[in-house]
Amino acid sequence: MSLFQREFTDFSSKKGYIEEVKKHNHKEDEIDRLAELEKKMEMKKRKGNQLCWIVYNPASEYSYDIEDAMEEVRWMVFEIKRLKNENRHYKEFINEMKNQMISEFDIK
């Protein structure tokens, strides 16, 4: 489903909206999107294309500055992966603590 179709999907009911969101919010999709982004960035690098920030600057000759964005995007992808890994470790720690408390206090 394209972005255009998604934008004009009928969400007249809350249930329909929730089902649509669940379809598009899978952990595998998130991982695949990061991998796809990295692959596209590598392809752009090989082809010589650039990913740029366009920043409004009234003092500039054309009122805009163009800056290379590849390094910032690579850093963001790295940080997202690091935070996901850290989040996974915290979830494992919490589950271990929960299981330990359940076994210590004989909670069923």
PDB file of N, CA and C in Angstrom:
ATOM      1  N   MET A   1       0.843  -1.167   0.000  1.00  0.00           N
ATOM      2  CA  MET A   1       0.000   0.000   0.000  1.00  0.00           C
ATOM      3  C   MET A   1       0.892   1.235   0.000  1.00  0.00           C
ATOM      4  N   SER A   2       0.658   2.096  -0.916  1.00  0.00           N
ATOM      5  CA  SER A   2       1.490   3.295  -1.022  1.00  0.00           C
ATOM      6  C   SER A   2       1.094   4.318   0.037  1.00  0.00           C
ATOM      7  N   LEU A   3       1.954   5.289   0.216  1.00  0.00           N
ATOM      8  CA  LEU A   3       1.686   6.353   1.182  1.00  0.00           C
ATOM      9  C   LEU A   3       0.401   7.085   0.818  1.00  0.00           C
ATOM     10  N   PHE A   4       0.195   7.307  -0.472  1.00  0.00           N
ATOM     11  CA  PHE A   4      -1.009   7.993  -0.925  1.00  0.00           C
ATOM     12  C   PHE A   4      -2.250   7.204  -0.534  1.00  0.00           C
ATOM     13  N   GLN A   5      -2.221   5.895  -0.763  1.00  0.00           N
ATOM     14  CA  GLN A   5      -3.367   5.062  -0.417  1.00  0.00           C
ATOM     15  C   GLN A   5      -3.573   5.025   1.091  1.00  0.00           C
ATOM     16  N   ARG A   6      -2.478   4.942   1.850  1.00  0.00           N
ATOM     17  CA  ARG A   6      -2.566   4.897   3.297  1.00  0.00           C
ATOM     18  C   ARG A   6      -3.173   6.187   3.840  1.00  0.00           C
ATOM     19  N   GLU A   7      -2.805   7.292   3.218  1.00  0.00           N
ATOM     20  CA  GLU A   7      -3.282   8.591   3.682  1.00  0.00           C
ATOM     21  C   GLU A   7      -4.788   8.727   3.509  1.00  0.00           C
ATOM     22  N   PHE A   8      -5.328   8.134   2.460  1.00  0.00           N
ATOM     23  CA  PHE A   8      -6.748   8.273   2.185  1.00  0.00           C
ATOM     24  C   PHE A   8      -7.552   7.020   2.521  1.00  0.00           C
ATOM     25  N   THR A   9      -6.999   6.126   3.330  1.00  0.00           N
ATOM     26  CA  THR A   9      -7.741   4.960   3.791  1.00  0.00           C
ATOM     27  C   THR A   9      -8.829   5.432   4.742  1.00  0.00           C
ATOM     28  N   ASP A  10     -10.000   4.818   4.651  1.00  0.00           N
ATOM     29  CA  ASP A  10     -11.113   5.214   5.515  1.00  0.00           C
ATOM     30  C   ASP A  10     -10.898   4.653   6.913  1.00  0.00           C
ATOM     31  N   PHE A  11     -10.690   5.546   7.872  1.00  0.00           N
ATOM     32  CA  PHE A  11     -10.533   5.142   9.265  1.00  0.00           C
ATOM     33  C   PHE A  11     -11.747   5.614  10.058  1.00  0.00           C
ATOM     34  N   SER A  12     -12.956   5.312   9.538  1.00  0.00           N
ATOM     35  CA  SER A  12     -14.166   5.804  10.193  1.00  0.00           C
ATOM     36  C   SER A  12     -14.354   5.182  11.571  1.00  0.00           C
ATOM     37  N   SER A  13     -13.832   3.991  11.767  1.00  0.00           N
ATOM     38  CA  SER A  13     -13.949   3.378  13.091  1.00  0.00           C
ATOM     39  C   SER A  13     -12.572   3.266  13.726  1.00  0.00           C
ATOM     40  N   LYS A  14     -12.558   3.324  15.044  1.00  0.00           N
ATOM     41  CA  LYS A  14     -11.298   3.209  15.782  1.00  0.00           C
ATOM     42  C   LYS A  14     -10.688   1.827  15.549  1.00  0.00           C
ATOM     43  N   LYS A  15     -11.539   0.807  15.469  1.00  0.00           N
ATOM     44  CA  LYS A  15     -11.066  -0.560  15.254  1.00  0.00           C
ATOM     45  C   LYS A  15     -10.330  -0.673  13.918  1.00  0.00           C
ATOM     46  N   GLY A  16     -10.877  -0.062  12.875  1.00  0.00           N
ATOM     47  CA  GLY A  16     -10.227  -0.094  11.569  1.00  0.00           C
ATOM     48  C   GLY A  16      -8.867   0.566  11.596  1.00  0.00           C
ATOM     49  N   TYR A  17      -8.768   1.668  12.338  1.00  0.00           N
ATOM     50  CA  TYR A  17      -7.491   2.375  12.460  1.00  0.00           C
ATOM     51  C   TYR A  17      -6.472   1.514  13.188  1.00  0.00           C
ATOM     52  N   ILE A  18      -6.886   0.901  14.298  1.00  0.00           N
ATOM     53  CA  ILE A  18      -5.972   0.066  15.087  1.00  0.00           C
ATOM     54  C   ILE A  18      -5.485  -1.118  14.263  1.00  0.00           C
ATOM     55  N   GLU A  19      -6.375  -1.754  13.503  1.00  0.00           N
ATOM     56  CA  GLU A  19      -5.971  -2.883  12.658  1.00  0.00           C
ATOM     57  C   GLU A  19      -4.964  -2.440  11.600  1.00  0.00           C
ATOM     58  N   GLU A  20      -5.183  -1.268  11.026  1.00  0.00           N
ATOM     59  CA  GLU A  20      -4.266  -0.755  10.001  1.00  0.00           C
ATOM     60  C   GLU A  20      -2.894  -0.472  10.603  1.00  0.00           C
ATOM     61  N   VAL A  21      -2.878   0.101  11.808  1.00  0.00           N
ATOM     62  CA  VAL A  21      -1.609   0.394  12.480  1.00  0.00           C
ATOM     63  C   VAL A  21      -0.882  -0.901  12.818  1.00  0.00           C
ATOM     64  N   LYS A  22      -1.608  -1.912  13.291  1.00  0.00           N
ATOM     65  CA  LYS A  22      -0.982  -3.196  13.634  1.00  0.00           C
ATOM     66  C   LYS A  22      -0.338  -3.844  12.414  1.00  0.00           C
ATOM     67  N   LYS A  23      -0.945  -3.679  11.245  1.00  0.00           N
ATOM     68  CA  LYS A  23      -0.375  -4.250  10.025  1.00  0.00           C
ATOM     69  C   LYS A  23       1.000  -3.668   9.729  1.00  0.00           C
ATOM     70  N   HIS A  24       1.183  -2.396  10.055  1.00  0.00           N
ATOM     71  CA  HIS A  24       2.404  -1.700   9.664  1.00  0.00           C
ATOM     72  C   HIS A  24       3.409  -1.553  10.792  1.00  0.00           C
ATOM     73  N   ASN A  25       3.095  -2.052  11.985  1.00  0.00           N
ATOM     74  CA  ASN A  25       4.007  -1.904  13.118  1.00  0.00           C
ATOM     75  C   ASN A  25       4.524  -3.260  13.584  1.00  0.00           C
ATOM     76  N   HIS A  26       5.338  -3.886  12.795  1.00  0.00           N
ATOM     77  CA  HIS A  26       5.960  -5.149  13.169  1.00  0.00           C
ATOM     78  C   HIS A  26       7.434  -4.910  13.409  1.00  0.00           C
ATOM     79  N   LYS A  27       8.003  -5.625  14.380  1.00  0.00           N
ATOM     80  CA  LYS A  27       9.425  -5.454  14.674  1.00  0.00           C
ATOM     81  C   LYS A  27      10.277  -5.816  13.461  1.00  0.00           C
ATOM     82  N   GLU A  28       9.845  -6.832  12.718  1.00  0.00           N
ATOM     83  CA  GLU A  28      10.607  -7.233  11.539  1.00  0.00           C
ATOM     84  C   GLU A  28      10.643  -6.092  10.526  1.00  0.00           C
ATOM     85  N   ASP A  29       9.518  -5.381  10.398  1.00  0.00           N
ATOM     86  CA  ASP A  29       9.466  -4.257   9.465  1.00  0.00           C
ATOM     87  C   ASP A  29      10.462  -3.181   9.858  1.00  0.00           C
ATOM     88  N   GLU A  30      10.571  -2.910  11.186  1.00  0.00           N
ATOM     89  CA  GLU A  30      11.497  -1.887  11.650  1.00  0.00           C
ATOM     90  C   GLU A  30      12.931  -2.268  11.303  1.00  0.00           C
ATOM     91  N   ILE A  31      13.282  -3.526  11.529  1.00  0.00           N
ATOM     92  CA  ILE A  31      14.631  -3.990  11.226  1.00  0.00           C
ATOM     93  C   ILE A  31      14.864  -3.930   9.719  1.00  0.00           C
ATOM     94  N   ASP A  32      13.879  -4.375   8.964  1.00  0.00           N
ATOM     95  CA  ASP A  32      14.006  -4.354   7.513  1.00  0.00           C
ATOM     96  C   ASP A  32      14.137  -2.925   6.995  1.00  0.00           C
ATOM     97  N   ARG A  33      13.418  -1.990   7.605  1.00  0.00           N
ATOM     98  CA  ARG A  33      13.506  -0.604   7.147  1.00  0.00           C
ATOM     99  C   ARG A  33      14.896  -0.036   7.390  1.00  0.00           C
ATOM    100  N   LEU A  34      15.513  -0.373   8.526  1.00  0.00           N
ATOM    101  CA  LEU A  34      16.871   0.102   8.783  1.00  0.00           C
ATOM    102  C   LEU A  34      17.852  -0.516   7.800  1.00  0.00           C
ATOM    103  N   ALA A  35      17.710  -1.818   7.560  1.00  0.00           N
ATOM    104  CA  ALA A  35      18.595  -2.488   6.609  1.00  0.00           C
ATOM    105  C   ALA A  35      18.392  -1.925   5.204  1.00  0.00           C
ATOM    106  N   GLU A  36      17.138  -1.665   4.857  1.00  0.00           N
ATOM    107  CA  GLU A  36      16.845  -1.099   3.535  1.00  0.00           C
ATOM    108  C   GLU A  36      17.438   0.303   3.402  1.00  0.00           C
ATOM    109  N   LEU A  37      17.339   1.093   4.466  1.00  0.00           N
ATOM    110  CA  LEU A  37      17.919   2.435   4.445  1.00  0.00           C
ATOM    111  C   LEU A  37      19.431   2.371   4.270  1.00  0.00           C
ATOM    112  N   GLU A  38      20.088   1.458   4.996  1.00  0.00           N
ATOM    113  CA  GLU A  38      21.540   1.313   4.856  1.00  0.00           C
ATOM    114  C   GLU A  38      21.915   0.881   3.444  1.00  0.00           C
ATOM    115  N   LYS A  39      21.128  -0.036   2.878  1.00  0.00           N
ATOM    116  CA  LYS A  39      21.400  -0.507   1.517  1.00  0.00           C
ATOM    117  C   LYS A  39      21.244   0.633   0.508  1.00  0.00           C
ATOM    118  N   LYS A  40      20.197   1.442   0.681  1.00  0.00           N
ATOM    119  CA  LYS A  40      19.989   2.570  -0.228  1.00  0.00           C
ATOM    120  C   LYS A  40      21.103   3.600  -0.091  1.00  0.00           C
ATOM    121  N   MET A  41      21.572   3.828   1.136  1.00  0.00           N
ATOM    122  CA  MET A  41      22.662   4.782   1.331  1.00  0.00           C
ATOM    123  C   MET A  41      23.943   4.281   0.681  1.00  0.00           C
ATOM    124  N   GLU A  42      24.199   2.983   0.782  1.00  0.00           N
ATOM    125  CA  GLU A  42      25.387   2.408   0.145  1.00  0.00           C
ATOM    126  C   GLU A  42      25.279   2.522  -1.376  1.00  0.00           C
ATOM    127  N   MET A  43      24.081   2.284  -1.907  1.00  0.00           N
ATOM    128  CA  MET A  43      23.869   2.392  -3.345  1.00  0.00           C
ATOM    129  C   MET A  43      24.095   3.842  -3.806  1.00  0.00           C
ATOM    130  N   LYS A  44      23.607   4.801  -3.029  1.00  0.00           N
ATOM    131  CA  LYS A  44      23.820   6.213  -3.367  1.00  0.00           C
ATOM    132  C   LYS A  44      25.301   6.551  -3.353  1.00  0.00           C
ATOM    133  N   LYS A  45      26.022   5.985  -2.403  1.00  0.00           N
ATOM    134  CA  LYS A  45      27.460   6.248  -2.311  1.00  0.00           C
ATOM    135  C   LYS A  45      28.183   5.700  -3.544  1.00  0.00           C
ATOM    136  N   ARG A  46      27.810   4.479  -3.968  1.00  0.00           N
ATOM    137  CA  ARG A  46      28.443   3.880  -5.146  1.00  0.00           C
ATOM    138  C   ARG A  46      28.130   4.668  -6.408  1.00  0.00           C
ATOM    139  N   LYS A  47      26.887   5.152  -6.518  1.00  0.00           N
ATOM    140  CA  LYS A  47      26.489   5.894  -7.716  1.00  0.00           C
ATOM    141  C   LYS A  47      26.963   7.340  -7.700  1.00  0.00           C
ATOM    142  N   GLY A  48      27.462   7.790  -6.560  1.00  0.00           N
ATOM    143  CA  GLY A  48      27.942   9.165  -6.467  1.00  0.00           C
ATOM    144  C   GLY A  48      26.858  10.167  -6.125  1.00  0.00           C
ATOM    145  N   ASN A  49      25.655   9.689  -5.796  1.00  0.00           N
ATOM    146  CA  ASN A  49      24.582  10.596  -5.387  1.00  0.00           C
ATOM    147  C   ASN A  49      24.798  11.021  -3.942  1.00  0.00           C
ATOM    148  N   GLN A  50      24.194  12.124  -3.581  1.00  0.00           N
ATOM    149  CA  GLN A  50      24.331  12.608  -2.217  1.00  0.00           C
ATOM    150  C   GLN A  50      22.968  12.760  -1.562  1.00  0.00           C
ATOM    151  N   LEU A  51      22.987  12.614  -0.257  1.00  0.00           N
ATOM    152  CA  LEU A  51      21.826  12.920   0.562  1.00  0.00           C
ATOM    153  C   LEU A  51      22.159  14.230   1.262  1.00  0.00           C
ATOM    154  N   CYS A  52      21.325  15.238   1.082  1.00  0.00           N
ATOM    155  CA  CYS A  52      21.683  16.580   1.570  1.00  0.00           C
ATOM    156  C   CYS A  52      20.585  17.180   2.431  1.00  0.00           C
ATOM    157  N   TRP A  53      21.025  18.011   3.362  1.00  0.00           N
ATOM    158  CA  TRP A  53      20.115  18.875   4.112  1.00  0.00           C
ATOM    159  C   TRP A  53      20.055  20.195   3.359  1.00  0.00           C
ATOM    160  N   ILE A  54      18.879  20.737   3.214  1.00  0.00           N
ATOM    161  CA  ILE A  54      18.731  22.071   2.643  1.00  0.00           C
ATOM    162  C   ILE A  54      18.246  22.961   3.778  1.00  0.00           C
ATOM    163  N   VAL A  55      19.074  23.942   4.132  1.00  0.00           N
ATOM    164  CA  VAL A  55      18.810  24.791   5.293  1.00  0.00           C
ATOM    165  C   VAL A  55      18.598  26.225   4.834  1.00  0.00           C
ATOM    166  N   TYR A  56      17.531  26.827   5.314  1.00  0.00           N
ATOM    167  CA  TYR A  56      17.255  28.228   4.979  1.00  0.00           C
ATOM    168  C   TYR A  56      18.283  29.122   5.656  1.00  0.00           C
ATOM    169  N   ASN A  57      18.927  29.974   4.874  1.00  0.00           N
ATOM    170  CA  ASN A  57      19.913  30.918   5.384  1.00  0.00           C
ATOM    171  C   ASN A  57      19.785  32.207   4.575  1.00  0.00           C
ATOM    172  N   PRO A  58      19.144  33.231   5.128  1.00  0.00           N
ATOM    173  CA  PRO A  58      18.936  34.465   4.361  1.00  0.00           C
ATOM    174  C   PRO A  58      20.234  35.186   3.995  1.00  0.00           C
ATOM    175  N   ALA A  59      21.321  34.909   4.706  1.00  0.00           N
ATOM    176  CA  ALA A  59      22.600  35.564   4.410  1.00  0.00           C
ATOM    177  C   ALA A  59      23.318  34.917   3.231  1.00  0.00           C
ATOM    178  N   SER A  60      22.871  33.743   2.827  1.00  0.00           N
ATOM    179  CA  SER A  60      23.496  33.021   1.725  1.00  0.00           C
ATOM    180  C   SER A  60      23.120  33.664   0.388  1.00  0.00           C
ATOM    181  N   GLU A  61      23.894  33.341  -0.652  1.00  0.00           N
ATOM    182  CA  GLU A  61      23.660  33.920  -1.974  1.00  0.00           C
ATOM    183  C   GLU A  61      22.269  33.572  -2.509  1.00  0.00           C
ATOM    184  N   TYR A  62      21.847  32.302  -2.339  1.00  0.00           N
ATOM    185  CA  TYR A  62      20.543  31.864  -2.829  1.00  0.00           C
ATOM    186  C   TYR A  62      19.539  31.655  -1.700  1.00  0.00           C
ATOM    187  N   SER A  63      19.834  32.123  -0.504  1.00  0.00           N
ATOM    188  CA  SER A  63      18.992  32.014   0.697  1.00  0.00           C
ATOM    189  C   SER A  63      18.914  30.598   1.251  1.00  0.00           C
ATOM    190  N   TYR A  64      19.684  29.676   0.716  1.00  0.00           N
ATOM    191  CA  TYR A  64      19.700  28.304   1.223  1.00  0.00           C
ATOM    192  C   TYR A  64      21.130  27.789   1.254  1.00  0.00           C
ATOM    193  N   ASP A  65      21.421  26.984   2.244  1.00  0.00           N
ATOM    194  CA  ASP A  65      22.695  26.272   2.310  1.00  0.00           C
ATOM    195  C   ASP A  65      22.415  24.795   2.085  1.00  0.00           C
ATOM    196  N   ILE A  66      23.269  24.147   1.345  1.00  0.00           N
ATOM    197  CA  ILE A  66      23.145  22.711   1.104  1.00  0.00           C
ATOM    198  C   ILE A  66      24.302  22.029   1.811  1.00  0.00           C
ATOM    199  N   GLU A  67      23.951  21.099   2.715  1.00  0.00           N
ATOM    200  CA  GLU A  67      24.964  20.402   3.506  1.00  0.00           C
ATOM    201  C   GLU A  67      24.807  18.896   3.317  1.00  0.00           C
ATOM    202  N   ASP A  68      25.918  18.186   3.357  1.00  0.00           N
ATOM    203  CA  ASP A  68      25.905  16.732   3.238  1.00  0.00           C
ATOM    204  C   ASP A  68      25.252  16.130   4.481  1.00  0.00           C
ATOM    205  N   ALA A  69      24.327  15.194   4.286  1.00  0.00           N
ATOM    206  CA  ALA A  69      23.593  14.602   5.404  1.00  0.00           C
ATOM    207  C   ALA A  69      23.929  13.134   5.621  1.00  0.00           C
ATOM    208  N   MET A  70      24.791  12.561   4.797  1.00  0.00           N
ATOM    209  CA  MET A  70      25.059  11.122   4.886  1.00  0.00           C
ATOM    210  C   MET A  70      25.600  10.719   6.257  1.00  0.00           C
ATOM    211  N   GLU A  71      26.544  11.488   6.782  1.00  0.00           N
ATOM    212  CA  GLU A  71      27.164  11.123   8.055  1.00  0.00           C
ATOM    213  C   GLU A  71      26.145  11.186   9.193  1.00  0.00           C
ATOM    214  N   GLU A  72      25.295  12.217   9.196  1.00  0.00           N
ATOM    215  CA  GLU A  72      24.278  12.325  10.245  1.00  0.00           C
ATOM    216  C   GLU A  72      23.275  11.181  10.166  1.00  0.00           C
ATOM    217  N   VAL A  73      22.873  10.805   8.957  1.00  0.00           N
ATOM    218  CA  VAL A  73      21.913   9.712   8.805  1.00  0.00           C
ATOM    219  C   VAL A  73      22.551   8.392   9.231  1.00  0.00           C
ATOM    220  N   ARG A  74      23.811   8.169   8.860  1.00  0.00           N
ATOM    221  CA  ARG A  74      24.507   6.956   9.318  1.00  0.00           C
ATOM    222  C   ARG A  74      24.558   6.913  10.841  1.00  0.00           C
ATOM    223  N   TRP A  75      24.850   8.060  11.453  1.00  0.00           N
ATOM    224  CA  TRP A  75      24.924   8.129  12.913  1.00  0.00           C
ATOM    225  C   TRP A  75      23.552   7.838  13.532  1.00  0.00           C
ATOM    226  N   MET A  76      22.476   8.364  12.937  1.00  0.00           N
ATOM    227  CA  MET A  76      21.130   8.102  13.451  1.00  0.00           C
ATOM    228  C   MET A  76      20.787   6.622  13.366  1.00  0.00           C
ATOM    229  N   VAL A  77      21.129   5.966  12.266  1.00  0.00           N
ATOM    230  CA  VAL A  77      20.872   4.531  12.121  1.00  0.00           C
ATOM    231  C   VAL A  77      21.650   3.758  13.179  1.00  0.00           C
ATOM    232  N   PHE A  78      22.917   4.122  13.390  1.00  0.00           N
ATOM    233  CA  PHE A  78      23.736   3.475  14.418  1.00  0.00           C
ATOM    234  C   PHE A  78      23.106   3.646  15.799  1.00  0.00           C
ATOM    235  N   GLU A  79      22.654   4.859  16.114  1.00  0.00           N
ATOM    236  CA  GLU A  79      22.047   5.129  17.425  1.00  0.00           C
ATOM    237  C   GLU A  79      20.745   4.359  17.598  1.00  0.00           C
ATOM    238  N   ILE A  80      19.934   4.269  16.553  1.00  0.00           N
ATOM    239  CA  ILE A  80      18.683   3.514  16.629  1.00  0.00           C
ATOM    240  C   ILE A  80      18.976   2.052  16.922  1.00  0.00           C
ATOM    241  N   LYS A  81      19.960   1.481  16.225  1.00  0.00           N
ATOM    242  CA  LYS A  81      20.324   0.083  16.468  1.00  0.00           C
ATOM    243  C   LYS A  81      20.834  -0.114  17.891  1.00  0.00           C
ATOM    244  N   ARG A  82      21.669   0.830  18.371  1.00  0.00           N
ATOM    245  CA  ARG A  82      22.213   0.736  19.724  1.00  0.00           C
ATOM    246  C   ARG A  82      21.090   0.808  20.759  1.00  0.00           C
ATOM    247  N   LEU A  83      20.159   1.729  20.571  1.00  0.00           N
ATOM    248  CA  LEU A  83      19.053   1.877  21.513  1.00  0.00           C
ATOM    249  C   LEU A  83      18.126   0.665  21.495  1.00  0.00           C
ATOM    250  N   LYS A  84      17.902   0.081  20.321  1.00  0.00           N
ATOM    251  CA  LYS A  84      17.085  -1.135  20.251  1.00  0.00           C
ATOM    252  C   LYS A  84      17.752  -2.278  20.999  1.00  0.00           C
ATOM    253  N   ASN A  85      19.066  -2.397  20.838  1.00  0.00           N
ATOM    254  CA  ASN A  85      19.812  -3.434  21.537  1.00  0.00           C
ATOM    255  C   ASN A  85      19.754  -3.204  23.052  1.00  0.00           C
ATOM    256  N   GLU A  86      19.944  -1.959  23.463  1.00  0.00           N
ATOM    257  CA  GLU A  86      19.884  -1.611  24.881  1.00  0.00           C
ATOM    258  C   GLU A  86      18.492  -1.896  25.444  1.00  0.00           C
ATOM    259  N   ASN A  87      17.467  -1.574  24.689  1.00  0.00           N
ATOM    260  CA  ASN A  87      16.091  -1.832  25.101  1.00  0.00           C
ATOM    261  C   ASN A  87      15.849  -3.333  25.270  1.00  0.00           C
ATOM    262  N   ARG A  88      16.396  -4.125  24.349  1.00  0.00           N
ATOM    263  CA  ARG A  88      16.249  -5.582  24.444  1.00  0.00           C
ATOM    264  C   ARG A  88      16.903  -6.105  25.717  1.00  0.00           C
ATOM    265  N   HIS A  89      18.092  -5.562  26.055  1.00  0.00           N
ATOM    266  CA  HIS A  89      18.780  -5.982  27.278  1.00  0.00           C
ATOM    267  C   HIS A  89      17.974  -5.611  28.521  1.00  0.00           C
ATOM    268  N   TYR A  90      17.381  -4.425  28.527  1.00  0.00           N
ATOM    269  CA  TYR A  90      16.554  -4.017  29.665  1.00  0.00           C
ATOM    270  C   TYR A  90      15.339  -4.921  29.815  1.00  0.00           C
ATOM    271  N   LYS A  91      14.717  -5.281  28.699  1.00  0.00           N
ATOM    272  CA  LYS A  91      13.559  -6.175  28.758  1.00  0.00           C
ATOM    273  C   LYS A  91      13.950  -7.533  29.320  1.00  0.00           C
ATOM    274  N   GLU A  92      15.101  -8.056  28.899  1.00  0.00           N
ATOM    275  CA  GLU A  92      15.582  -9.331  29.433  1.00  0.00           C
ATOM    276  C   GLU A  92      15.838  -9.223  30.930  1.00  0.00           C
ATOM    277  N   PHE A  93      16.457  -8.125  31.367  1.00  0.00           N
ATOM    278  CA  PHE A  93      16.740  -7.911  32.787  1.00  0.00           C
ATOM    279  C   PHE A  93      15.444  -7.854  33.594  1.00  0.00           C
ATOM    280  N   ILE A  94      14.455  -7.118  33.095  1.00  0.00           N
ATOM    281  CA  ILE A  94      13.179  -7.004  33.801  1.00  0.00           C
ATOM    282  C   ILE A  94      12.490  -8.355  33.888  1.00  0.00           C
ATOM    283  N   ASN A  95      12.516  -9.132  32.812  1.00  0.00           N
ATOM    284  CA  ASN A  95      11.905 -10.463  32.847  1.00  0.00           C
ATOM    285  C   ASN A  95      12.610 -11.373  33.840  1.00  0.00           C
ATOM    286  N   GLU A  96      13.938 -11.293  33.910  1.00  0.00           N
ATOM    287  CA  GLU A  96      14.688 -12.091  34.884  1.00  0.00           C
ATOM    288  C   GLU A  96      14.329 -11.693  36.311  1.00  0.00           C
ATOM    289  N   MET A  97      14.250 -10.393  36.567  1.00  0.00           N
ATOM    290  CA  MET A  97      13.874  -9.917  37.902  1.00  0.00           C
ATOM    291  C   MET A  97      12.461 -10.362  38.254  1.00  0.00           C
ATOM    292  N   LYS A  98      11.564 -10.267  37.305  1.00  0.00           N
ATOM    293  CA  LYS A  98      10.177 -10.676  37.521  1.00  0.00           C
ATOM    294  C   LYS A  98      10.108 -12.161  37.852  1.00  0.00           C
ATOM    295  N   ASN A  99      10.810 -12.980  37.070  1.00  0.00           N
ATOM    296  CA  ASN A  99      10.816 -14.426  37.322  1.00  0.00           C
ATOM    297  C   ASN A  99      11.437 -14.752  38.672  1.00  0.00           C
ATOM    298  N   GLN A 100      12.492 -14.035  39.031  1.00  0.00           N
ATOM    299  CA  GLN A 100      13.140 -14.263  40.322  1.00  0.00           C
ATOM    300  C   GLN A 100      12.201 -13.897  41.470  1.00  0.00           C
ATOM    301  N   MET A 101      11.498 -12.789  41.358  1.00  0.00           N
ATOM    302  CA  MET A 101      10.560 -12.378  42.406  1.00  0.00           C
ATOM    303  C   MET A 101       9.403 -13.355  42.510  1.00  0.00           C
ATOM    304  N   ILE A 102       8.920 -13.835  41.376  1.00  0.00           N
ATOM    305  CA  ILE A 102       7.832 -14.813  41.388  1.00  0.00           C
ATOM    306  C   ILE A 102       8.279 -16.086  42.085  1.00  0.00           C
ATOM    307  N   SER A 103       9.487 -16.547  41.787  1.00  0.00           N
ATOM    308  CA  SER A 103       9.972 -17.783  42.421  1.00  0.00           C
ATOM    309  C   SER A 103      10.270 -17.576  43.904  1.00  0.00           C
ATOM    310  N   GLU A 104      10.778 -16.403  44.304  1.00  0.00           N
ATOM    311  CA  GLU A 104      11.080 -16.141  45.715  1.00  0.00           C
ATOM    312  C   GLU A 104       9.829 -16.030  46.559  1.00  0.00           C
ATOM    313  N   PHE A 105       8.817 -15.372  46.047  1.00  0.00           N
ATOM    314  CA  PHE A 105       7.606 -15.131  46.828  1.00  0.00           C
ATOM    315  C   PHE A 105       6.501 -16.133  46.522  1.00  0.00           C
ATOM    316  N   ASP A 106       6.784 -17.142  45.734  1.00  0.00           N
ATOM    317  CA  ASP A 106       5.814 -18.180  45.355  1.00  0.00           C
ATOM    318  C   ASP A 106       4.499 -17.589  44.843  1.00  0.00           C
ATOM    319  N   ILE A 107       4.618 -16.655  43.942  1.00  0.00           N
ATOM    320  CA  ILE A 107       3.442 -16.031  43.335  1.00  0.00           C
ATOM    321  C   ILE A 107       3.048 -16.866  42.126  1.00  0.00           C
ATOM    322  N   LYS A 108       1.765 -17.141  42.026  1.00  0.00           N
ATOM    323  CA  LYS A 108       1.288 -17.939  40.894  1.00  0.00           C
ATOM    324  C   LYS A 108       0.224 -17.215  40.147  1.00  0.00           C
TER     325      LYS A 108
END
